[in-house]
N, C-alpha and C. Protein backbone atom coordinates (compact mmCIF):
# COMPACT_ATOMS: atom_id res chain seq x y z
N MET A 1 19.77 -8.77 -3.59
CA MET A 1 19.68 -7.75 -2.18
C MET A 1 19.69 -6.62 -2.76
N ARG A 2 18.37 -5.08 -2.36
CA ARG A 2 18.98 -3.74 -2.87
C ARG A 2 19.63 -2.94 -2.45
N ARG A 3 19.86 -1.52 -1.84
CA ARG A 3 19.05 -0.29 -1.25
C ARG A 3 17.95 0.62 -1.80
N LEU A 4 17.56 0.56 -0.52
CA LEU A 4 15.77 1.29 -0.91
C LEU A 4 16.19 2.51 -0.23
N PRO A 5 15.60 3.41 -0.17
CA PRO A 5 15.41 4.58 0.85
C PRO A 5 13.93 4.20 1.55
N LEU A 6 13.71 4.13 3.06
CA LEU A 6 12.98 4.22 3.46
C LEU A 6 11.78 5.42 3.67
N PHE A 7 10.29 5.18 3.74
CA PHE A 7 9.40 5.93 4.00
C PHE A 7 8.31 5.34 4.99
N PRO A 8 8.41 5.16 6.42
CA PRO A 8 7.30 4.80 6.79
C PRO A 8 5.71 5.42 6.65
N LEU A 9 4.91 4.80 6.99
CA LEU A 9 3.54 6.06 6.79
C LEU A 9 2.25 4.44 7.41
N GLY A 10 1.29 5.50 8.52
CA GLY A 10 -0.08 5.05 8.36
C GLY A 10 -0.46 3.87 7.57
N VAL A 11 -0.25 4.24 6.44
CA VAL A 11 -1.17 3.34 4.98
C VAL A 11 -0.23 2.18 4.22
N VAL A 12 -1.07 1.25 4.07
CA VAL A 12 -0.46 0.14 3.06
C VAL A 12 -0.17 0.56 1.41
N LEU A 13 0.39 0.51 1.00
CA LEU A 13 0.54 0.94 -0.41
C LEU A 13 0.95 -0.35 -1.27
N PHE A 14 -0.12 -0.40 -2.16
CA PHE A 14 -0.33 -1.36 -3.55
C PHE A 14 0.40 -1.27 -4.81
N PRO A 15 0.71 -2.93 -5.14
CA PRO A 15 1.89 -2.32 -6.93
C PRO A 15 0.34 -2.02 -7.90
N GLY A 16 0.62 -0.84 -7.96
CA GLY A 16 0.01 -0.41 -9.72
C GLY A 16 -1.11 1.02 -8.35
N MET A 17 -1.06 0.84 -7.99
CA MET A 17 -2.10 1.75 -7.15
C MET A 17 -1.57 3.50 -6.49
N PRO A 18 -2.13 3.90 -6.61
CA PRO A 18 -1.77 5.86 -6.37
C PRO A 18 -2.05 6.10 -5.17
N LEU A 19 -1.13 7.02 -4.64
CA LEU A 19 -1.14 7.67 -3.36
C LEU A 19 -0.77 8.75 -3.28
N GLN A 20 -1.10 10.06 -1.91
CA GLN A 20 -0.80 11.72 -2.46
C GLN A 20 -0.15 11.93 -1.59
N LEU A 21 0.80 12.34 -1.30
CA LEU A 21 1.61 12.20 0.22
C LEU A 21 1.94 13.88 0.48
N GLN A 22 2.12 14.65 1.98
CA GLN A 22 2.32 15.99 1.85
C GLN A 22 3.70 15.63 2.60
N VAL A 23 4.29 16.07 2.06
CA VAL A 23 5.95 16.25 2.67
C VAL A 23 6.33 16.91 3.34
N PHE A 24 6.66 17.55 4.65
CA PHE A 24 7.38 18.67 5.56
C PHE A 24 8.45 18.20 6.65
N GLU A 25 9.12 17.05 6.79
CA GLU A 25 9.08 16.93 7.95
C GLU A 25 11.05 17.28 6.91
N PRO A 26 11.98 17.59 7.45
CA PRO A 26 13.46 18.09 6.93
C PRO A 26 14.03 16.76 5.78
N ARG A 27 13.78 14.96 6.65
CA ARG A 27 14.83 13.81 6.19
C ARG A 27 14.41 13.35 5.15
N TYR A 28 12.83 13.91 4.95
CA TYR A 28 12.21 13.75 3.36
C TYR A 28 12.25 14.56 2.62
N LEU A 29 12.08 15.31 2.98
CA LEU A 29 13.04 16.85 1.85
C LEU A 29 13.78 16.71 1.02
N GLN A 30 14.81 16.07 2.36
CA GLN A 30 16.34 16.17 1.78
C GLN A 30 16.49 14.37 0.30
N LEU A 31 14.82 13.75 1.40
CA LEU A 31 15.14 12.64 0.32
C LEU A 31 14.16 13.26 -0.38
N LEU A 32 13.84 13.49 -1.19
CA LEU A 32 13.07 13.99 -2.20
C LEU A 32 14.06 15.17 -3.62
N GLU A 33 15.01 16.09 -2.73
CA GLU A 33 16.36 16.89 -3.21
C GLU A 33 17.07 15.75 -3.75
N ASP A 34 16.94 14.55 -3.07
CA ASP A 34 18.11 13.67 -3.83
C ASP A 34 18.35 12.29 -4.87
N LEU A 35 16.26 12.17 -5.08
CA LEU A 35 15.64 11.98 -5.73
C LEU A 35 15.01 12.55 -7.28
N SER A 36 15.13 13.45 -6.92
CA SER A 36 15.11 14.39 -7.90
C SER A 36 16.69 14.51 -8.79
N GLU A 37 17.68 13.99 -8.23
CA GLU A 37 19.03 13.85 -9.07
C GLU A 37 19.08 12.66 -10.30
N LEU A 38 17.72 10.99 -9.83
CA LEU A 38 18.14 10.73 -10.02
C LEU A 38 16.98 10.47 -11.17
N GLU A 39 17.43 10.04 -12.56
CA GLU A 39 16.32 9.39 -13.84
C GLU A 39 14.62 9.29 -13.22
N PRO A 40 14.41 9.70 -14.47
CA PRO A 40 12.22 9.37 -13.42
C PRO A 40 12.78 8.17 -13.04
N GLU A 41 12.67 7.44 -14.04
CA GLU A 41 12.34 5.60 -13.44
C GLU A 41 12.87 5.21 -12.14
N ASP A 42 14.59 5.95 -12.04
CA ASP A 42 14.83 5.46 -11.33
C ASP A 42 14.40 6.38 -9.63
N ARG A 43 13.28 7.19 -9.59
CA ARG A 43 12.78 7.73 -7.65
C ARG A 43 12.31 7.48 -7.81
N GLU A 44 13.00 6.02 -7.28
CA GLU A 44 11.84 4.93 -6.08
C GLU A 44 12.38 4.98 -4.62
N PHE A 45 11.55 4.89 -3.83
CA PHE A 45 11.69 4.56 -2.24
C PHE A 45 10.17 3.91 -1.97
N GLY A 46 11.03 3.10 -0.55
CA GLY A 46 10.00 1.96 0.09
C GLY A 46 9.49 1.97 1.47
N ILE A 47 8.15 1.80 1.08
CA ILE A 47 6.74 2.40 1.93
C ILE A 47 6.93 0.95 2.06
N VAL A 48 6.54 1.78 3.87
CA VAL A 48 6.62 0.13 4.84
C VAL A 48 5.61 0.72 5.85
N ALA A 49 4.04 -0.05 6.17
CA ALA A 49 3.23 0.42 6.83
C ALA A 49 4.23 0.08 8.88
N ILE A 50 3.20 1.27 9.84
CA ILE A 50 4.52 1.25 10.57
C ILE A 50 3.27 0.34 11.67
N ARG A 51 3.79 -1.03 12.33
CA ARG A 51 3.58 -1.48 12.94
C ARG A 51 3.69 -0.90 14.47
N GLU A 52 4.04 -0.15 15.16
CA GLU A 52 4.20 0.59 16.27
C GLU A 52 4.82 2.50 16.29
N GLY A 53 4.15 2.86 16.92
CA GLY A 53 4.56 4.68 17.07
C GLY A 53 3.85 5.11 15.95
N SER A 54 4.04 6.31 15.89
CA SER A 54 3.30 7.21 14.73
C SER A 54 4.10 8.14 13.86
N GLU A 55 3.44 8.07 12.82
CA GLU A 55 4.29 9.38 11.26
C GLU A 55 5.09 10.74 12.09
N VAL A 56 4.23 11.10 12.89
CA VAL A 56 4.18 12.40 13.75
C VAL A 56 4.22 12.73 15.44
N GLY A 57 4.64 13.28 15.68
CA GLY A 57 4.86 14.15 17.00
C GLY A 57 5.77 12.94 18.02
N THR A 58 5.33 13.12 19.83
CA THR A 58 6.75 12.35 20.10
C THR A 58 6.50 11.09 20.38
N ARG A 59 5.81 10.79 19.66
CA ARG A 59 6.10 8.59 19.37
C ARG A 59 6.07 8.52 17.93
N ARG A 60 7.39 8.39 18.18
CA ARG A 60 8.62 8.11 16.66
C ARG A 60 7.82 6.31 16.42
N VAL A 61 8.51 6.08 14.84
CA VAL A 61 8.46 4.53 14.42
C VAL A 61 9.11 3.92 15.79
N HIS A 62 8.40 3.03 16.44
CA HIS A 62 9.66 2.09 16.36
C HIS A 62 9.61 0.65 15.73
N SER A 63 8.33 0.51 15.45
CA SER A 63 8.86 -0.46 14.65
C SER A 63 7.83 -0.60 13.17
N VAL A 64 7.94 -1.50 12.07
CA VAL A 64 7.94 -1.35 10.71
C VAL A 64 7.34 -2.97 10.41
N HIS A 65 6.47 -3.02 9.46
CA HIS A 65 5.73 -4.07 8.74
C HIS A 65 7.57 -4.93 7.85
N ASN A 66 7.86 -5.82 7.21
CA ASN A 66 8.40 -6.19 7.06
C ASN A 66 8.49 -6.13 5.50
N VAL A 67 7.53 -6.15 5.04
CA VAL A 67 6.81 -6.56 3.26
C VAL A 67 6.13 -5.02 3.50
N GLY A 68 6.73 -3.90 2.20
CA GLY A 68 6.36 -3.01 1.73
C GLY A 68 6.13 -3.03 0.19
N CYS A 69 5.90 -1.39 0.22
CA CYS A 69 6.11 -1.72 -1.27
C CYS A 69 6.81 -0.24 -1.76
N ALA A 70 7.40 -0.17 -3.43
CA ALA A 70 7.85 0.39 -3.74
C ALA A 70 6.99 1.72 -3.78
N ALA A 71 7.91 3.01 -4.17
CA ALA A 71 7.34 4.39 -4.48
C ALA A 71 7.75 4.54 -5.36
N ARG A 72 7.07 4.87 -6.79
CA ARG A 72 7.87 5.45 -7.76
C ARG A 72 7.22 7.00 -7.88
N LEU A 73 8.07 7.96 -6.89
CA LEU A 73 8.18 9.94 -7.18
C LEU A 73 7.57 9.61 -8.95
N ALA A 74 6.23 10.56 -9.09
CA ALA A 74 4.96 10.34 -10.03
C ALA A 74 5.03 12.32 -10.12
N ALA A 75 5.15 12.54 -9.52
CA ALA A 75 4.94 14.53 -9.51
C ALA A 75 4.97 14.95 -8.05
N ALA A 76 5.40 16.25 -7.75
CA ALA A 76 5.64 17.06 -6.63
C ALA A 76 5.25 17.87 -6.88
N ARG A 77 4.30 18.73 -5.74
CA ARG A 77 4.08 20.22 -5.92
C ARG A 77 4.46 21.43 -4.12
N SER A 78 5.18 22.04 -4.70
CA SER A 78 5.55 22.89 -3.74
C SER A 78 4.74 24.06 -3.33
N LEU A 79 5.01 23.58 -1.52
CA LEU A 79 2.86 25.07 -0.76
C LEU A 79 4.17 25.27 0.14
N GLY A 80 5.41 26.42 -0.02
CA GLY A 80 6.29 27.09 0.72
C GLY A 80 7.26 25.69 0.78
N GLU A 81 7.08 26.06 3.02
CA GLU A 81 7.44 24.78 3.12
C GLU A 81 7.51 23.33 2.98
N ARG A 82 6.36 23.01 2.51
CA ARG A 82 6.07 21.10 2.59
C ARG A 82 5.11 20.85 0.68
N PHE A 83 5.55 19.65 0.53
CA PHE A 83 5.58 19.37 -0.36
C PHE A 83 4.51 18.62 -0.38
N VAL A 84 3.79 18.71 -1.99
CA VAL A 84 2.21 17.59 -1.94
C VAL A 84 2.69 16.79 -3.61
N ILE A 85 3.43 15.55 -2.97
CA ILE A 85 3.50 14.72 -3.66
C ILE A 85 2.80 13.75 -4.50
N ARG A 86 2.70 12.78 -5.88
CA ARG A 86 1.88 11.43 -6.69
C ARG A 86 3.41 10.80 -6.41
N VAL A 87 2.21 9.78 -6.04
CA VAL A 87 3.28 7.93 -5.97
C VAL A 87 2.63 7.06 -7.02
N LEU A 88 2.95 6.19 -7.49
CA LEU A 88 2.67 5.39 -7.16
C LEU A 88 2.98 3.81 -6.82
N GLY A 89 2.51 3.16 -6.57
CA GLY A 89 3.12 1.56 -5.97
C GLY A 89 3.45 0.79 -7.34
N THR A 90 4.70 0.12 -7.10
CA THR A 90 5.48 -0.34 -8.49
C THR A 90 5.33 -1.76 -7.97
N TRP A 91 6.26 -2.56 -6.58
CA TRP A 91 6.93 -3.68 -6.65
C TRP A 91 7.04 -3.70 -4.93
N ARG A 92 6.49 -4.96 -4.47
CA ARG A 92 6.42 -5.86 -3.86
C ARG A 92 8.24 -6.10 -2.75
N PHE A 93 8.65 -5.67 -1.70
CA PHE A 93 9.54 -5.43 -0.98
C PHE A 93 9.66 -6.69 0.50
N ARG A 94 10.48 -7.46 0.19
CA ARG A 94 11.01 -8.01 1.40
C ARG A 94 11.86 -6.83 2.43
N LEU A 95 11.34 -6.10 3.60
CA LEU A 95 12.91 -5.64 4.42
C LEU A 95 13.71 -6.96 5.08
N ASP A 96 14.67 -6.26 4.88
CA ASP A 96 15.40 -7.40 5.56
C ASP A 96 16.78 -7.24 6.71
N GLY A 97 16.14 -5.74 6.55
CA GLY A 97 17.32 -5.49 7.10
C GLY A 97 17.53 -3.47 7.20
N VAL A 98 18.54 -2.83 7.82
CA VAL A 98 18.46 -1.44 7.69
C VAL A 98 20.11 -0.79 7.34
N ASP A 99 20.34 -0.52 6.69
CA ASP A 99 21.55 0.27 6.60
C ASP A 99 22.35 0.90 7.17
N ALA A 100 23.17 0.81 8.08
CA ALA A 100 23.61 1.40 9.18
C ALA A 100 24.44 1.92 9.16
N ALA A 101 25.56 2.27 7.31
CA ALA A 101 26.48 2.73 6.72
C ALA A 101 25.93 4.28 6.12
N ALA A 102 24.13 4.01 5.81
CA ALA A 102 24.42 5.08 5.02
C ALA A 102 23.96 6.67 5.73
N GLU A 103 24.71 6.91 4.86
CA GLU A 103 24.65 8.58 5.80
C GLU A 103 23.86 9.44 5.35
N THR A 104 22.95 9.60 5.65
CA THR A 104 21.92 10.10 5.00
C THR A 104 20.55 10.41 6.39
N PRO A 105 20.27 11.80 6.98
CA PRO A 105 18.51 11.53 7.78
C PRO A 105 17.71 10.78 7.41
N TYR A 106 17.02 10.15 6.13
CA TYR A 106 16.38 9.17 6.51
C TYR A 106 17.10 7.39 6.60
N ALA A 107 16.27 6.35 7.22
CA ALA A 107 16.32 5.50 6.83
C ALA A 107 16.60 4.79 5.47
N THR A 108 18.18 4.39 5.35
CA THR A 108 17.44 3.59 3.81
C THR A 108 17.65 1.71 4.55
N GLY A 109 17.06 1.08 4.25
CA GLY A 109 16.77 -0.46 4.44
C GLY A 109 17.50 -1.96 2.61
N LEU A 110 17.23 -2.58 3.60
CA LEU A 110 17.76 -3.61 2.80
C LEU A 110 16.77 -4.22 1.93
N VAL A 111 16.70 -4.35 1.01
CA VAL A 111 15.47 -5.60 1.02
C VAL A 111 15.58 -5.97 -0.66
N THR A 112 14.82 -6.59 -0.26
CA THR A 112 14.31 -8.46 -1.35
C THR A 112 13.02 -7.68 -2.45
N LYS A 113 13.32 -8.40 -4.19
CA LYS A 113 12.40 -7.99 -4.62
C LYS A 113 11.54 -9.23 -4.78
N LEU A 114 9.88 -9.09 -3.57
CA LEU A 114 8.75 -9.88 -4.12
C LEU A 114 9.11 -10.67 -5.81
N PRO A 115 8.76 -11.64 -5.99
CA PRO A 115 7.73 -12.07 -7.27
C PRO A 115 6.69 -11.96 -6.93
N GLU A 116 6.02 -11.57 -8.18
CA GLU A 116 4.50 -12.03 -8.63
C GLU A 116 4.28 -13.26 -9.11
N VAL A 117 3.54 -14.38 -7.93
CA VAL A 117 3.56 -15.91 -8.62
C VAL A 117 1.85 -15.77 -8.85
N ARG A 118 1.36 -16.31 -9.09
CA ARG A 118 -0.12 -16.82 -9.90
C ARG A 118 -0.63 -17.73 -8.70
N GLY A 119 0.27 -19.03 -9.16
CA GLY A 119 -0.32 -20.24 -8.16
C GLY A 119 -1.12 -20.66 -8.99
N ASP A 120 -1.96 -21.74 -8.94
CA ASP A 120 -3.18 -22.88 -9.89
C ASP A 120 -3.81 -21.99 -11.34
N GLN A 121 -3.46 -21.78 -11.86
CA GLN A 121 -4.63 -20.91 -12.71
C GLN A 121 -5.55 -21.26 -12.64
N GLN A 122 -6.16 -22.18 -12.15
CA GLN A 122 -8.00 -22.86 -12.32
C GLN A 122 -8.89 -21.99 -10.63
N ARG A 123 -7.34 -21.53 -9.54
CA ARG A 123 -7.58 -21.84 -8.68
C ARG A 123 -7.33 -20.11 -8.34
N VAL A 124 -6.97 -19.16 -9.37
CA VAL A 124 -7.26 -18.07 -9.93
C VAL A 124 -8.12 -17.78 -10.43
N ASP A 125 -8.79 -17.96 -11.24
CA ASP A 125 -9.82 -17.85 -11.49
C ASP A 125 -11.08 -17.86 -11.34
N GLU A 126 -11.24 -19.05 -10.31
CA GLU A 126 -12.48 -19.09 -9.31
C GLU A 126 -12.36 -18.20 -8.59
N HIS A 127 -10.74 -17.76 -7.53
CA HIS A 127 -11.37 -16.76 -6.46
C HIS A 127 -11.38 -15.44 -7.54
N ALA A 128 -11.48 -15.47 -8.86
CA ALA A 128 -11.22 -13.72 -9.32
C ALA A 128 -12.98 -13.34 -9.32
N GLU A 129 -13.20 -14.89 -9.98
CA GLU A 129 -14.80 -14.58 -10.05
C GLU A 129 -15.36 -14.11 -8.47
N GLU A 130 -14.54 -14.73 -7.50
CA GLU A 130 -15.49 -15.24 -5.93
C GLU A 130 -15.49 -13.39 -5.80
N VAL A 131 -13.55 -12.86 -5.63
CA VAL A 131 -13.75 -11.37 -5.32
C VAL A 131 -14.51 -11.05 -6.07
N ARG A 132 -15.09 -10.71 -7.72
CA ARG A 132 -15.93 -9.95 -7.59
C ARG A 132 -17.34 -9.62 -6.87
N ALA A 133 -17.56 -11.25 -7.00
CA ALA A 133 -18.80 -11.35 -6.53
C ALA A 133 -19.20 -10.58 -5.25
N ALA A 134 -18.17 -11.18 -4.57
CA ALA A 134 -18.06 -10.83 -2.67
C ALA A 134 -18.17 -9.64 -2.32
N LEU A 135 -17.11 -8.16 -3.80
CA LEU A 135 -17.39 -7.13 -4.21
C LEU A 135 -18.98 -6.15 -4.25
N GLU A 136 -19.04 -7.35 -5.26
CA GLU A 136 -20.90 -6.68 -4.54
C GLU A 136 -21.67 -6.40 -4.11
N ALA A 137 -21.40 -7.73 -3.26
CA ALA A 137 -21.96 -8.28 -2.27
C ALA A 137 -21.68 -7.02 -0.67
N TYR A 138 -20.99 -6.62 -1.44
CA TYR A 138 -20.51 -5.59 -0.11
C TYR A 138 -20.54 -4.41 -0.74
N ALA A 139 -21.05 -4.11 -1.49
CA ALA A 139 -21.49 -3.25 -2.11
C ALA A 139 -22.39 -2.93 -1.85
N THR A 140 -23.43 -3.81 -2.40
CA THR A 140 -25.06 -3.72 -2.33
C THR A 140 -24.79 -3.72 -0.67
N ALA A 141 -24.26 -4.37 0.49
CA ALA A 141 -24.89 -4.30 2.11
C ALA A 141 -24.36 -2.45 2.25
N LEU A 142 -23.62 -2.26 1.42
CA LEU A 142 -23.37 -0.13 1.78
C LEU A 142 -24.78 0.89 0.95
N ASN A 143 -25.26 -0.01 0.20
CA ASN A 143 -25.93 0.52 -0.83
C ASN A 143 -25.07 1.40 -1.81
N GLY A 144 -24.30 1.04 -2.55
CA GLY A 144 -23.29 1.61 -3.61
C GLY A 144 -22.99 0.79 -4.65
N GLU A 145 -22.21 1.80 -5.62
CA GLU A 145 -21.66 0.54 -6.51
C GLU A 145 -20.22 0.78 -6.51
N ILE A 146 -19.62 -0.07 -7.08
CA ILE A 146 -18.23 0.14 -7.20
C ILE A 146 -17.98 -0.27 -8.16
N PRO A 147 -16.66 1.20 -8.38
CA PRO A 147 -16.01 0.92 -10.01
C PRO A 147 -15.57 0.13 -10.64
N PRO A 148 -15.38 0.09 -12.17
CA PRO A 148 -15.37 -1.43 -12.82
C PRO A 148 -13.57 -2.04 -12.95
N LEU A 149 -13.61 -2.73 -12.71
CA LEU A 149 -12.39 -3.83 -12.42
C LEU A 149 -11.33 -3.72 -13.10
N PRO A 150 -10.71 -4.32 -12.50
CA PRO A 150 -9.96 -5.06 -13.69
C PRO A 150 -9.70 -6.41 -14.26
N ARG A 151 -9.32 -6.46 -15.12
CA ARG A 151 -9.76 -8.27 -15.65
C ARG A 151 -8.55 -9.16 -14.40
N ASP A 152 -7.21 -8.13 -14.85
CA ASP A 152 -6.85 -8.65 -14.21
C ASP A 152 -6.38 -9.71 -13.26
N PRO A 153 -5.85 -10.62 -12.69
CA PRO A 153 -6.05 -11.21 -10.81
C PRO A 153 -5.65 -10.31 -9.75
N ASP A 154 -4.06 -10.25 -10.26
CA ASP A 154 -3.70 -9.65 -9.18
C ASP A 154 -4.11 -7.99 -9.29
N GLU A 155 -4.22 -7.27 -10.45
CA GLU A 155 -4.48 -5.97 -10.30
C GLU A 155 -5.93 -6.16 -9.59
N LEU A 156 -6.71 -6.90 -9.91
CA LEU A 156 -8.00 -6.77 -8.98
C LEU A 156 -7.35 -7.36 -7.76
N ALA A 157 -7.13 -8.03 -7.18
CA ALA A 157 -6.46 -8.39 -5.34
C ALA A 157 -5.50 -7.52 -5.03
N TYR A 158 -5.00 -6.08 -5.27
CA TYR A 158 -4.06 -5.23 -4.56
C TYR A 158 -5.88 -3.97 -4.89
N THR A 159 -6.23 -4.09 -6.13
CA THR A 159 -7.77 -3.07 -6.05
C THR A 159 -8.60 -3.32 -4.48
N VAL A 160 -8.91 -4.22 -4.09
CA VAL A 160 -9.38 -4.41 -3.58
C VAL A 160 -8.66 -3.84 -1.66
N GLY A 161 -7.37 -4.44 -1.46
CA GLY A 161 -6.76 -3.67 -0.78
C GLY A 161 -6.68 -1.63 -0.69
N ALA A 162 -6.04 -1.44 -1.95
CA ALA A 162 -6.73 -0.24 -2.10
C ALA A 162 -8.23 0.57 -2.34
N LEU A 163 -9.25 0.02 -2.11
CA LEU A 163 -10.45 0.96 -2.48
C LEU A 163 -11.82 0.37 -1.44
N VAL A 164 -11.25 -0.63 -0.73
CA VAL A 164 -11.93 -1.37 0.83
C VAL A 164 -11.13 -0.31 1.95
N PRO A 165 -11.94 0.06 3.02
CA PRO A 165 -11.35 0.48 4.58
C PRO A 165 -10.97 -1.31 4.72
N LEU A 166 -10.44 -1.33 4.67
CA LEU A 166 -9.56 -2.67 5.76
C LEU A 166 -9.70 -1.74 6.86
N SER A 167 -8.48 -2.71 7.52
CA SER A 167 -7.54 -2.23 8.61
C SER A 167 -6.20 -2.97 8.06
N ILE A 168 -5.00 -1.35 8.30
CA ILE A 168 -3.42 -2.29 7.85
C ILE A 168 -3.65 -3.60 7.98
N THR A 169 -4.36 -3.85 9.28
CA THR A 169 -3.74 -5.51 9.66
C THR A 169 -4.04 -6.10 7.78
N ASP A 170 -5.56 -6.16 7.90
CA ASP A 170 -6.17 -6.92 6.75
C ASP A 170 -5.24 -6.14 5.09
N GLN A 171 -5.36 -4.76 5.62
CA GLN A 171 -4.50 -5.07 3.75
C GLN A 171 -2.76 -5.14 3.83
N GLN A 172 -2.69 -4.84 5.28
CA GLN A 172 -0.29 -5.64 5.32
C GLN A 172 -1.00 -7.66 4.54
N GLU A 173 -2.13 -8.22 5.51
CA GLU A 173 -2.01 -9.99 4.73
C GLU A 173 -2.40 -9.64 2.97
N LEU A 174 -2.85 -8.62 3.22
CA LEU A 174 -3.09 -8.70 1.42
C LEU A 174 -1.83 -8.44 0.30
N LEU A 175 -1.15 -7.72 1.06
CA LEU A 175 0.13 -7.05 0.43
C LEU A 175 0.84 -8.59 0.56
N ALA A 176 1.30 -9.24 1.97
CA ALA A 176 2.27 -9.97 2.15
C ALA A 176 2.04 -11.12 1.39
N ALA A 177 0.89 -11.24 1.10
CA ALA A 177 0.51 -12.60 0.70
C ALA A 177 1.55 -13.27 -0.81
N PRO A 178 1.73 -14.94 -0.42
CA PRO A 178 2.91 -15.01 -2.09
C PRO A 178 2.44 -15.58 -2.92
N THR A 179 1.42 -15.72 -3.02
CA THR A 179 0.31 -15.41 -4.96
C THR A 179 -0.16 -15.19 -5.27
N THR A 180 -1.13 -14.79 -5.85
CA THR A 180 -2.27 -14.09 -6.87
C THR A 180 -3.50 -15.13 -5.90
N GLU A 181 -3.20 -16.46 -5.62
CA GLU A 181 -4.24 -17.09 -5.28
C GLU A 181 -4.63 -17.23 -3.97
N ALA A 182 -3.26 -16.59 -3.99
CA ALA A 182 -3.79 -17.23 -1.35
C ALA A 182 -3.97 -15.55 -1.32
N ARG A 183 -3.27 -14.55 -2.79
CA ARG A 183 -4.40 -13.22 -2.39
C ARG A 183 -5.51 -12.67 -2.10
N LEU A 184 -6.14 -14.03 -3.47
CA LEU A 184 -7.41 -13.46 -4.36
C LEU A 184 -8.89 -14.18 -2.97
N ALA A 185 -7.74 -14.92 -2.33
CA ALA A 185 -8.99 -15.84 -1.95
C ALA A 185 -8.43 -15.40 -0.03
N VAL A 186 -7.43 -14.78 0.15
CA VAL A 186 -7.60 -13.54 1.85
C VAL A 186 -8.86 -12.47 1.32
N ALA A 187 -8.52 -11.70 -0.58
CA ALA A 187 -9.48 -10.75 -0.75
C ALA A 187 -11.09 -11.39 -0.31
N ARG A 188 -11.08 -11.80 -0.83
CA ARG A 188 -12.73 -12.78 -1.10
C ARG A 188 -12.94 -13.27 1.25
N ASP A 189 -12.04 -13.54 1.43
CA ASP A 189 -13.34 -13.95 3.12
C ASP A 189 -13.19 -12.29 3.06
N GLN A 190 -12.46 -11.36 3.65
CA GLN A 190 -12.34 -10.18 3.75
C GLN A 190 -13.50 -9.41 3.40
N LEU A 191 -13.81 -9.60 2.37
CA LEU A 191 -14.99 -8.27 1.29
C LEU A 191 -16.25 -9.49 2.38
N ARG A 192 -16.35 -10.98 2.66
CA ARG A 192 -17.42 -11.80 3.26
C ARG A 192 -17.14 -11.25 4.48
N ARG A 193 -16.30 -10.81 5.16
CA ARG A 193 -16.52 -10.14 6.53
C ARG A 193 -16.68 -8.56 6.56
N GLU A 194 -17.14 -7.89 5.58
CA GLU A 194 -17.09 -6.82 6.22
C GLU A 194 -18.91 -6.28 5.85
N ALA A 195 -18.60 -7.38 4.44
CA ALA A 195 -20.07 -7.41 3.91
C ALA A 195 -21.01 -7.51 5.09
N GLY A 196 -20.65 -8.96 5.97
CA GLY A 196 -21.45 -9.48 7.21
C GLY A 196 -21.65 -8.41 8.68
N LEU A 197 -20.72 -8.20 8.34
CA LEU A 197 -20.15 -7.05 9.98
C LEU A 197 -21.28 -5.88 9.35
N ILE A 198 -21.29 -5.14 7.60
CA ILE A 198 -22.16 -4.23 7.59
C ILE A 198 -23.89 -5.06 8.34
N ARG A 199 -23.94 -5.67 7.56
CA ARG A 199 -25.44 -5.93 7.67
C ARG A 199 -25.98 -6.78 8.58
N ALA A 200 -24.73 -6.83 9.94
CA ALA A 200 -25.46 -7.04 11.19
C ALA A 200 -25.59 -5.74 12.00
N THR A 201 -24.97 -4.75 11.75
CA THR A 201 -24.81 -4.10 13.27
C THR A 201 -25.45 -2.54 12.24
N HIS A 202 -25.54 -2.86 10.91
CA HIS A 202 -26.18 -0.84 10.07
C HIS A 202 -26.00 0.09 10.15
N SER A 203 -24.23 -0.54 10.42
CA SER A 203 -23.30 0.97 9.96
C SER A 203 -22.40 0.80 8.83
N LEU A 204 -21.38 2.42 8.33
CA LEU A 204 -20.59 1.88 7.77
C LEU A 204 -18.96 2.13 8.09
N PRO A 205 -18.91 1.60 6.65
CA PRO A 205 -17.35 1.41 8.01
C PRO A 205 -16.72 2.65 7.09
N PHE A 206 -15.81 3.54 8.17
CA PHE A 206 -15.06 4.60 7.71
C PHE A 206 -13.76 3.84 6.38
N ARG A 207 -14.16 5.19 5.33
CA ARG A 207 -13.53 5.05 3.98
C ARG A 207 -11.95 5.73 4.32
N ARG A 208 -11.00 5.15 3.75
CA ARG A 208 -10.14 5.77 3.20
C ARG A 208 -10.02 6.24 1.75
N ASN A 209 -9.83 7.38 0.64
CA ASN A 209 -9.51 7.02 -0.04
C ASN A 209 -8.04 6.80 -0.61
N VAL A 210 -7.64 5.94 -1.61
CA VAL A 210 -6.61 5.81 -2.60
C VAL A 210 -5.67 6.71 -2.57
N GLY A 211 -6.06 8.17 -2.52
CA GLY A 211 -5.98 9.48 -3.25
C GLY A 211 -5.51 10.71 -2.37
N ASP A 212 -5.49 10.24 -1.15
CA ASP A 212 -5.75 11.29 -0.26
C ASP A 212 -4.47 11.53 0.87
N ALA A 213 -4.38 12.76 0.88
CA ALA A 213 -3.27 13.02 1.24
C ALA A 213 -2.37 12.20 2.86
N SER A 214 -1.60 11.56 3.61
CA SER A 214 -0.82 11.14 4.57
C SER A 214 0.95 12.22 4.39
N PRO A 215 0.48 12.64 6.00
CA PRO A 215 1.60 13.51 6.37
C PRO A 215 2.21 12.46 6.88
N ASN A 216 4.32 13.00 6.66
CA ASN A 216 5.02 12.23 7.16
C ASN A 216 4.80 12.27 8.40
């Protein structure tokens, strides 16, 4: 178990995927200052998707999902009283609790790093091809094109979560899947469902771009 600063957000971050954030709350500005004192490879914090509550405003965060993704600070740019930062997802973790003794304005999680387990390799390969086919069908339903896809099965599954405008619940299911085999099967089923809904309703989904800024 390790300690990791927490940053609850209304998005799900996946390993290997970038995310841009606007930081302006004093507690998270303090987090940036604390991170700046560390070596670049150690400048990590944990992003957890909000289950109940809000990032800003009067409805504060009441609960979060228990599987999140560590984010490594890649770049930061000052815009007066706020910063625009770019992070990269690195590793998944299970949130076991919150360190009540931490003397920081932001929460510090007690987390366990989750392993990346492949599962049955034959099924991984089969599911990966099914995901690629499902992505093609999804793009056809949208009358669009998909970008070049990674060959690595883990990257492929996480790319689906970041590329396709799924709900937080669907994204969280992908992130929390215990194996690559299971994650690819979930991604395949979600893509088939989404393509079917588009064809049935003749409507386009709301798209969330991976690089879009999200306020804290």
